[in-house]
Amino acid sequence: MRLVNKQGHAINVGDIIHDFRDVPAVVLSWNEPRHSGSSGYVNVRSMDEHRMHSSCYVNVYNLEWSEL
């Protein structure tokens, strides 16, 4: 599986993505869904002065999974 945005463009480590509030973050890694009821996670670093790391559901960043 690969992580893509709503336009179908592949997401890569180091890409800048925006959450539903249009707040930018840098992609560090992701965790694919483990079963059909899971949505998986994207691990990001905020781009503000705090540079916090967080794990969020992929839909927080308007992302989805696509088969290769």
N, C-alpha and C. Protein backbone atom coordinates (compact mmCIF):
# COMPACT_ATOMS: atom_id res chain seq x y z
N MET A 1 0.84 -1.18 0.00
CA MET A 1 0.00 0.00 0.00
C MET A 1 0.89 1.24 0.00
N ARG A 2 0.33 2.30 -0.56
CA ARG A 2 1.06 3.56 -0.52
C ARG A 2 0.12 4.65 -0.01
N LEU A 3 0.71 5.66 0.59
CA LEU A 3 -0.04 6.77 1.14
C LEU A 3 -0.16 7.85 0.07
N VAL A 4 -1.38 8.32 -0.18
CA VAL A 4 -1.62 9.32 -1.22
C VAL A 4 -2.53 10.42 -0.68
N ASN A 5 -2.47 11.59 -1.33
CA ASN A 5 -3.41 12.66 -0.98
C ASN A 5 -4.69 12.46 -1.77
N LYS A 6 -5.67 13.31 -1.56
CA LYS A 6 -6.98 13.13 -2.21
C LYS A 6 -6.91 13.26 -3.73
N GLN A 7 -5.85 13.89 -4.26
CA GLN A 7 -5.66 14.00 -5.70
C GLN A 7 -4.94 12.78 -6.28
N GLY A 8 -4.52 11.84 -5.40
CA GLY A 8 -3.87 10.62 -5.85
C GLY A 8 -2.36 10.71 -5.95
N HIS A 9 -1.77 11.83 -5.50
CA HIS A 9 -0.31 12.00 -5.53
C HIS A 9 0.31 11.28 -4.33
N ALA A 10 1.37 10.49 -4.59
CA ALA A 10 2.04 9.73 -3.54
C ALA A 10 2.70 10.67 -2.53
N ILE A 11 2.64 10.27 -1.27
CA ILE A 11 3.27 11.01 -0.17
C ILE A 11 4.58 10.31 0.16
N ASN A 12 5.64 11.10 0.35
CA ASN A 12 6.96 10.57 0.67
C ASN A 12 7.47 11.17 1.97
N VAL A 13 8.42 10.49 2.61
CA VAL A 13 9.07 11.03 3.79
C VAL A 13 9.72 12.36 3.41
N GLY A 14 9.51 13.37 4.25
CA GLY A 14 10.05 14.69 4.00
C GLY A 14 9.08 15.65 3.33
N ASP A 15 7.97 15.11 2.81
CA ASP A 15 6.96 15.98 2.20
C ASP A 15 6.29 16.85 3.25
N ILE A 16 5.88 18.02 2.83
CA ILE A 16 5.10 18.91 3.70
C ILE A 16 3.63 18.68 3.37
N ILE A 17 2.86 18.37 4.41
CA ILE A 17 1.42 18.15 4.25
C ILE A 17 0.70 19.12 5.18
N HIS A 18 -0.59 19.32 4.94
CA HIS A 18 -1.38 20.24 5.76
C HIS A 18 -2.57 19.50 6.35
N ASP A 19 -2.86 19.79 7.61
CA ASP A 19 -4.01 19.16 8.25
C ASP A 19 -5.30 19.87 7.87
N PHE A 20 -6.41 19.44 8.46
CA PHE A 20 -7.71 20.00 8.11
C PHE A 20 -7.84 21.47 8.50
N ARG A 21 -6.91 21.98 9.33
CA ARG A 21 -6.91 23.41 9.69
C ARG A 21 -5.90 24.18 8.85
N ASP A 22 -5.28 23.50 7.86
CA ASP A 22 -4.26 24.06 6.98
C ASP A 22 -2.93 24.35 7.69
N VAL A 23 -2.68 23.61 8.79
CA VAL A 23 -1.42 23.74 9.52
C VAL A 23 -0.41 22.76 8.91
N PRO A 24 0.76 23.25 8.49
CA PRO A 24 1.73 22.38 7.82
C PRO A 24 2.52 21.50 8.80
N ALA A 25 2.97 20.35 8.29
CA ALA A 25 3.82 19.43 9.05
C ALA A 25 4.66 18.64 8.05
N VAL A 26 5.79 18.12 8.53
CA VAL A 26 6.69 17.32 7.69
C VAL A 26 6.45 15.85 7.98
N VAL A 27 6.31 15.05 6.93
CA VAL A 27 6.10 13.60 7.08
C VAL A 27 7.40 12.94 7.51
N LEU A 28 7.33 12.18 8.61
CA LEU A 28 8.49 11.42 9.10
C LEU A 28 8.39 9.94 8.73
N SER A 29 7.19 9.38 8.84
CA SER A 29 6.96 7.97 8.52
C SER A 29 5.46 7.73 8.60
N TRP A 30 5.05 6.47 8.42
CA TRP A 30 3.63 6.12 8.56
C TRP A 30 3.51 4.66 8.93
N ASN A 31 2.34 4.32 9.42
CA ASN A 31 2.01 2.95 9.78
C ASN A 31 0.77 2.57 8.99
N GLU A 32 0.90 1.55 8.17
CA GLU A 32 -0.24 1.08 7.37
C GLU A 32 -1.30 0.48 8.28
N PRO A 33 -2.55 0.45 7.83
CA PRO A 33 -3.60 -0.20 8.60
C PRO A 33 -3.27 -1.68 8.81
N ARG A 34 -3.59 -2.18 9.99
CA ARG A 34 -3.28 -3.58 10.29
C ARG A 34 -4.44 -4.52 10.00
N HIS A 35 -5.63 -3.95 9.88
CA HIS A 35 -6.82 -4.76 9.57
C HIS A 35 -7.86 -3.85 8.93
N SER A 36 -8.95 -4.41 8.48
CA SER A 36 -9.94 -3.65 7.71
C SER A 36 -10.60 -2.52 8.51
N GLY A 37 -10.61 -2.61 9.83
CA GLY A 37 -11.22 -1.57 10.66
C GLY A 37 -10.26 -0.47 11.05
N SER A 38 -9.02 -0.55 10.59
CA SER A 38 -7.99 0.43 10.94
C SER A 38 -7.77 1.41 9.80
N SER A 39 -7.37 2.64 10.14
CA SER A 39 -7.07 3.63 9.10
C SER A 39 -5.58 3.91 8.98
N GLY A 40 -4.78 3.41 9.92
CA GLY A 40 -3.35 3.67 9.88
C GLY A 40 -3.02 5.05 10.42
N TYR A 41 -1.73 5.33 10.52
CA TYR A 41 -1.26 6.58 11.08
C TYR A 41 -0.21 7.21 10.18
N VAL A 42 -0.09 8.53 10.28
CA VAL A 42 1.02 9.25 9.67
C VAL A 42 1.76 9.94 10.82
N ASN A 43 3.08 9.81 10.84
CA ASN A 43 3.91 10.41 11.87
C ASN A 43 4.55 11.67 11.30
N VAL A 44 4.35 12.78 11.98
CA VAL A 44 4.77 14.08 11.46
C VAL A 44 5.53 14.89 12.51
N ARG A 45 6.21 15.91 12.03
CA ARG A 45 6.86 16.90 12.89
C ARG A 45 6.25 18.25 12.54
N SER A 46 5.79 18.97 13.55
CA SER A 46 5.20 20.28 13.29
C SER A 46 6.28 21.24 12.78
N MET A 47 5.84 22.27 12.07
CA MET A 47 6.79 23.22 11.49
C MET A 47 6.85 24.53 12.28
N ASP A 48 6.22 24.54 13.46
CA ASP A 48 6.28 25.74 14.29
C ASP A 48 7.55 25.71 15.14
N GLU A 49 7.66 26.64 16.05
CA GLU A 49 8.88 26.74 16.87
C GLU A 49 9.06 25.56 17.81
N HIS A 50 8.01 24.80 18.09
CA HIS A 50 8.10 23.67 19.01
C HIS A 50 8.60 22.39 18.32
N ARG A 51 8.39 22.25 17.03
CA ARG A 51 8.83 21.10 16.24
C ARG A 51 8.45 19.76 16.90
N MET A 52 7.22 19.68 17.38
CA MET A 52 6.73 18.49 18.06
C MET A 52 6.48 17.35 17.08
N HIS A 53 6.72 16.13 17.53
CA HIS A 53 6.41 14.93 16.76
C HIS A 53 5.06 14.43 17.21
N SER A 54 4.26 13.95 16.26
CA SER A 54 2.97 13.39 16.62
C SER A 54 2.57 12.32 15.61
N SER A 55 1.68 11.45 16.05
CA SER A 55 1.08 10.42 15.19
C SER A 55 -0.40 10.73 15.10
N CYS A 56 -0.89 10.80 13.88
CA CYS A 56 -2.30 11.15 13.65
C CYS A 56 -2.91 10.18 12.67
N TYR A 57 -4.23 10.02 12.77
CA TYR A 57 -4.92 9.26 11.75
C TYR A 57 -4.70 9.94 10.40
N VAL A 58 -4.60 9.17 9.34
CA VAL A 58 -4.30 9.74 8.03
C VAL A 58 -5.35 10.74 7.56
N ASN A 59 -6.61 10.57 7.98
CA ASN A 59 -7.64 11.50 7.52
C ASN A 59 -7.50 12.89 8.13
N VAL A 60 -6.73 13.06 9.21
CA VAL A 60 -6.46 14.38 9.76
C VAL A 60 -5.74 15.23 8.72
N TYR A 61 -4.93 14.58 7.88
CA TYR A 61 -4.18 15.27 6.83
C TYR A 61 -4.78 15.03 5.45
N ASN A 62 -6.03 14.59 5.42
CA ASN A 62 -6.73 14.34 4.14
C ASN A 62 -5.96 13.38 3.24
N LEU A 63 -5.41 12.33 3.85
CA LEU A 63 -4.66 11.31 3.11
C LEU A 63 -5.46 10.01 3.12
N GLU A 64 -5.06 9.11 2.25
CA GLU A 64 -5.71 7.80 2.17
C GLU A 64 -4.71 6.78 1.65
N TRP A 65 -5.08 5.53 1.73
CA TRP A 65 -4.22 4.44 1.27
C TRP A 65 -4.66 3.99 -0.11
N SER A 66 -3.67 3.65 -0.94
CA SER A 66 -3.93 3.17 -2.28
C SER A 66 -3.11 1.91 -2.51
N GLU A 67 -3.70 0.95 -3.21
CA GLU A 67 -2.95 -0.25 -3.57
C GLU A 67 -1.90 0.13 -4.62
N LEU A 68 -0.77 -0.54 -4.60
CA LEU A 68 0.30 -0.25 -5.56
C LEU A 68 -0.11 -0.55 -6.92
